[in-house]
Amino acid sequence: MATEQTREAARKVMERLDQRDLEGLLAQAAPDAKWHGFAPVTLDNNGYRQAISEFLNGFPDSRFPIESVIAEGNKAAVRHSLRGTHNGIFQGIPPTGRQVIVNGVAEFQVEDGKIVETWLHADLLGMLTQLGVVPTPDQ
């Protein structure tokens, strides 16, 4: 039963993100949840809210479709992508109007049906290349 509860918790977080429902997403997290890979340091829920809000503002049409979910015990991995248009300031980068597709994997640890720790592994260099901020190897 723990595996199915874990799978459902991870799926709900990603579905709320895809719906841009930050409050619904954070309702799935434990009060002392830890978020890795969203900033140079580990974030608490408030830090995560700030980081994701900046991202959602920079990519106001962003979507996060789920490609697959693998779960075992209290851990789950969700392969997903980010699809959006850079129409707002993001990390100090003025809007480029460029569309991006960024592949990522989010790992979740779940206790009592709540996310307690998350690790994001995403192709941020690829995103910066798509935005034209970092040159491609052939440039």
C-alpha atoms as a PDB file:
ATOM      1  CA  MET A   1       0.000   0.000   0.000  1.00  0.00           C
ATOM      2  CA  ALA A   2       2.885   2.427   0.712  1.00  0.00           C
ATOM      3  CA  THR A   3       4.029   2.298  -2.909  1.00  0.00           C
ATOM      4  CA  GLU A   4       0.611   3.301  -4.282  1.00  0.00           C
ATOM      5  CA  GLN A   5       0.283   6.116  -1.720  1.00  0.00           C
ATOM      6  CA  THR A   6       3.747   7.332  -2.705  1.00  0.00           C
ATOM      7  CA  ARG A   7       2.934   7.158  -6.429  1.00  0.00           C
ATOM      8  CA  GLU A   8      -0.285   9.134  -5.866  1.00  0.00           C
ATOM      9  CA  ALA A   9       1.436  11.818  -3.741  1.00  0.00           C
ATOM     10  CA  ALA A  10       4.144  12.356  -6.390  1.00  0.00           C
ATOM     11  CA  ARG A  11       1.573  12.454  -9.190  1.00  0.00           C
ATOM     12  CA  LYS A  12      -0.569  14.988  -7.297  1.00  0.00           C
ATOM     13  CA  VAL A  13       2.386  17.334  -6.798  1.00  0.00           C
ATOM     14  CA  MET A  14       3.227  17.267 -10.502  1.00  0.00           C
ATOM     15  CA  GLU A  15      -0.424  17.653 -11.531  1.00  0.00           C
ATOM     16  CA  ARG A  16      -0.784  20.704  -9.253  1.00  0.00           C
ATOM     17  CA  LEU A  17       2.390  22.183 -10.760  1.00  0.00           C
ATOM     18  CA  ASP A  18       1.065  21.536 -14.266  1.00  0.00           C
ATOM     19  CA  GLN A  19      -2.148  23.352 -13.240  1.00  0.00           C
ATOM     20  CA  ARG A  20      -0.057  26.186 -11.755  1.00  0.00           C
ATOM     21  CA  ASP A  21      -1.794  25.538  -8.407  1.00  0.00           C
ATOM     22  CA  LEU A  22       1.060  26.365  -6.051  1.00  0.00           C
ATOM     23  CA  GLU A  23      -1.114  26.317  -2.920  1.00  0.00           C
ATOM     24  CA  GLY A  24      -2.506  22.907  -3.868  1.00  0.00           C
ATOM     25  CA  LEU A  25       1.014  21.673  -4.533  1.00  0.00           C
ATOM     26  CA  LEU A  26       2.304  22.863  -1.162  1.00  0.00           C
ATOM     27  CA  ALA A  27      -0.700  21.278   0.573  1.00  0.00           C
ATOM     28  CA  GLN A  28       0.826  17.948  -0.535  1.00  0.00           C
ATOM     29  CA  ALA A  29       4.097  18.739   1.303  1.00  0.00           C
ATOM     30  CA  ALA A  30       4.949  18.256   4.960  1.00  0.00           C
ATOM     31  CA  PRO A  31       5.467  21.530   6.878  1.00  0.00           C
ATOM     32  CA  ASP A  32       9.212  20.842   7.152  1.00  0.00           C
ATOM     33  CA  ALA A  33       9.706  19.526   3.592  1.00  0.00           C
ATOM     34  CA  LYS A  34      13.086  19.995   1.925  1.00  0.00           C
ATOM     35  CA  TRP A  35      13.472  20.931  -1.754  1.00  0.00           C
ATOM     36  CA  HIS A  36      16.786  20.219  -3.547  1.00  0.00           C
ATOM     37  CA  GLY A  37      17.816  21.367  -7.027  1.00  0.00           C
ATOM     38  CA  PHE A  38      15.675  24.507  -7.212  1.00  0.00           C
ATOM     39  CA  ALA A  39      18.405  26.842  -5.939  1.00  0.00           C
ATOM     40  CA  PRO A  40      22.080  26.601  -4.949  1.00  0.00           C
ATOM     41  CA  VAL A  41      20.947  25.628  -1.425  1.00  0.00           C
ATOM     42  CA  THR A  42      18.261  23.335  -0.040  1.00  0.00           C
ATOM     43  CA  LEU A  43      14.958  25.194   0.278  1.00  0.00           C
ATOM     44  CA  ASP A  44      12.128  25.003   2.782  1.00  0.00           C
ATOM     45  CA  ASN A  45       8.508  25.389   1.647  1.00  0.00           C
ATOM     46  CA  ASN A  46       8.732  29.201   1.623  1.00  0.00           C
ATOM     47  CA  GLY A  47      11.945  29.173  -0.400  1.00  0.00           C
ATOM     48  CA  TYR A  48      10.400  26.691  -2.826  1.00  0.00           C
ATOM     49  CA  ARG A  49       7.317  28.924  -3.168  1.00  0.00           C
ATOM     50  CA  GLN A  50       9.573  31.875  -4.080  1.00  0.00           C
ATOM     51  CA  ALA A  51      11.678  29.900  -6.565  1.00  0.00           C
ATOM     52  CA  ILE A  52       8.693  28.351  -8.340  1.00  0.00           C
ATOM     53  CA  SER A  53       6.759  31.638  -8.343  1.00  0.00           C
ATOM     54  CA  GLU A  54       9.677  33.330 -10.108  1.00  0.00           C
ATOM     55  CA  PHE A  55       9.736  30.508 -12.612  1.00  0.00           C
ATOM     56  CA  LEU A  56       5.970  30.599 -13.234  1.00  0.00           C
ATOM     57  CA  ASN A  57       6.157  34.375 -13.721  1.00  0.00           C
ATOM     58  CA  GLY A  58       9.008  34.024 -16.222  1.00  0.00           C
ATOM     59  CA  PHE A  59       7.143  31.318 -18.158  1.00  0.00           C
ATOM     60  CA  PRO A  60       3.474  32.272 -17.727  1.00  0.00           C
ATOM     61  CA  ASP A  61       2.171  29.567 -20.090  1.00  0.00           C
ATOM     62  CA  SER A  62       4.355  26.803 -18.620  1.00  0.00           C
ATOM     63  CA  ARG A  63       3.108  23.233 -18.460  1.00  0.00           C
ATOM     64  CA  PHE A  64       4.709  20.207 -16.810  1.00  0.00           C
ATOM     65  CA  PRO A  65       3.368  17.060 -18.463  1.00  0.00           C
ATOM     66  CA  ILE A  66       4.170  13.767 -16.744  1.00  0.00           C
ATOM     67  CA  GLU A  67       5.927  11.197 -18.935  1.00  0.00           C
ATOM     68  CA  SER A  68       6.177   8.366 -16.381  1.00  0.00           C
ATOM     69  CA  VAL A  69       6.078   7.603 -12.659  1.00  0.00           C
ATOM     70  CA  ILE A  70       8.079   4.886 -10.939  1.00  0.00           C
ATOM     71  CA  ALA A  71       7.494   4.209  -7.248  1.00  0.00           C
ATOM     72  CA  GLU A  72       8.776   1.784  -4.671  1.00  0.00           C
ATOM     73  CA  GLY A  73       8.057   1.994  -0.962  1.00  0.00           C
ATOM     74  CA  ASN A  74       8.193   5.630   0.134  1.00  0.00           C
ATOM     75  CA  LYS A  75      10.130   6.925  -2.904  1.00  0.00           C
ATOM     76  CA  ALA A  76       8.965   7.911  -6.378  1.00  0.00           C
ATOM     77  CA  ALA A  77      10.574   9.297  -9.513  1.00  0.00           C
ATOM     78  CA  VAL A  78       8.588  11.317 -12.035  1.00  0.00           C
ATOM     79  CA  ARG A  79       9.976  11.874 -15.515  1.00  0.00           C
ATOM     80  CA  HIS A  80       8.422  15.039 -16.886  1.00  0.00           C
ATOM     81  CA  SER A  81       9.075  17.985 -19.118  1.00  0.00           C
ATOM     82  CA  LEU A  82       8.647  21.710 -18.891  1.00  0.00           C
ATOM     83  CA  ARG A  83       7.084  23.384 -21.893  1.00  0.00           C
ATOM     84  CA  GLY A  84       6.678  27.130 -21.918  1.00  0.00           C
ATOM     85  CA  THR A  85       7.408  30.505 -23.435  1.00  0.00           C
ATOM     86  CA  HIS A  86       9.831  32.929 -21.811  1.00  0.00           C
ATOM     87  CA  ASN A  87       7.546  35.975 -21.622  1.00  0.00           C
ATOM     88  CA  GLY A  88       8.604  37.329 -18.230  1.00  0.00           C
ATOM     89  CA  ILE A  89      11.827  38.109 -16.390  1.00  0.00           C
ATOM     90  CA  PHE A  90      13.494  34.919 -15.132  1.00  0.00           C
ATOM     91  CA  GLN A  91      16.715  34.886 -13.112  1.00  0.00           C
ATOM     92  CA  GLY A  92      17.381  38.428 -14.330  1.00  0.00           C
ATOM     93  CA  ILE A  93      17.019  37.377 -17.975  1.00  0.00           C
ATOM     94  CA  PRO A  94      14.654  39.708 -19.861  1.00  0.00           C
ATOM     95  CA  PRO A  95      11.845  37.993 -21.794  1.00  0.00           C
ATOM     96  CA  THR A  96      13.065  36.438 -25.037  1.00  0.00           C
ATOM     97  CA  GLY A  97       9.710  35.197 -26.342  1.00  0.00           C
ATOM     98  CA  ARG A  98      11.384  31.849 -27.007  1.00  0.00           C
ATOM     99  CA  GLN A  99       9.701  28.544 -26.332  1.00  0.00           C
ATOM    100  CA  VAL A 100      11.539  25.914 -24.323  1.00  0.00           C
ATOM    101  CA  ILE A 101      11.180  22.209 -23.742  1.00  0.00           C
ATOM    102  CA  VAL A 102      13.201  21.008 -20.759  1.00  0.00           C
ATOM    103  CA  ASN A 103      13.350  17.380 -19.658  1.00  0.00           C
ATOM    104  CA  GLY A 104      13.583  16.578 -15.983  1.00  0.00           C
ATOM    105  CA  VAL A 105      13.184  13.998 -13.270  1.00  0.00           C
ATOM    106  CA  ALA A 106      11.816  14.795  -9.836  1.00  0.00           C
ATOM    107  CA  GLU A 107      12.473  12.338  -7.021  1.00  0.00           C
ATOM    108  CA  PHE A 108      10.127  12.378  -4.045  1.00  0.00           C
ATOM    109  CA  GLN A 109      10.294  10.891  -0.573  1.00  0.00           C
ATOM    110  CA  VAL A 110       6.885  10.495   1.055  1.00  0.00           C
ATOM    111  CA  GLU A 111       5.871   9.942   4.672  1.00  0.00           C
ATOM    112  CA  ASP A 112       2.265   9.676   5.843  1.00  0.00           C
ATOM    113  CA  GLY A 113       1.060  10.699   2.377  1.00  0.00           C
ATOM    114  CA  LYS A 114       3.045  13.970   2.368  1.00  0.00           C
ATOM    115  CA  ILE A 115       6.148  14.925   0.420  1.00  0.00           C
ATOM    116  CA  VAL A 116       9.040  15.305   2.875  1.00  0.00           C
ATOM    117  CA  GLU A 117      11.933  15.686   0.450  1.00  0.00           C
ATOM    118  CA  THR A 118      12.285  16.403  -3.266  1.00  0.00           C
ATOM    119  CA  TRP A 119      15.257  16.351  -5.631  1.00  0.00           C
ATOM    120  CA  LEU A 120      14.980  17.966  -9.070  1.00  0.00           C
ATOM    121  CA  HIS A 121      17.275  16.915 -11.907  1.00  0.00           C
ATOM    122  CA  ALA A 122      16.570  19.090 -14.952  1.00  0.00           C
ATOM    123  CA  ASP A 123      18.454  20.139 -18.071  1.00  0.00           C
ATOM    124  CA  LEU A 124      18.834  23.793 -17.067  1.00  0.00           C
ATOM    125  CA  LEU A 125      21.851  24.257 -19.352  1.00  0.00           C
ATOM    126  CA  GLY A 126      19.657  23.113 -22.226  1.00  0.00           C
ATOM    127  CA  MET A 127      17.025  25.645 -21.167  1.00  0.00           C
ATOM    128  CA  LEU A 128      19.574  28.486 -21.117  1.00  0.00           C
ATOM    129  CA  THR A 129      20.795  27.383 -24.551  1.00  0.00           C
ATOM    130  CA  GLN A 130      17.231  27.419 -25.894  1.00  0.00           C
ATOM    131  CA  LEU A 131      16.821  30.942 -24.482  1.00  0.00           C
ATOM    132  CA  GLY A 132      19.961  32.045 -26.333  1.00  0.00           C
ATOM    133  CA  VAL A 133      21.765  32.947 -23.086  1.00  0.00           C
ATOM    134  CA  VAL A 134      24.372  30.195 -23.498  1.00  0.00           C
ATOM    135  CA  PRO A 135      25.732  29.525 -26.992  1.00  0.00           C
ATOM    136  CA  THR A 136      25.368  26.091 -28.544  1.00  0.00           C
ATOM    137  CA  PRO A 137      28.604  24.155 -29.131  1.00  0.00           C
ATOM    138  CA  ASP A 138      28.479  24.946 -32.876  1.00  0.00           C
ATOM    139  CA  GLN A 139      28.242  28.714 -32.378  1.00  0.00           C
END
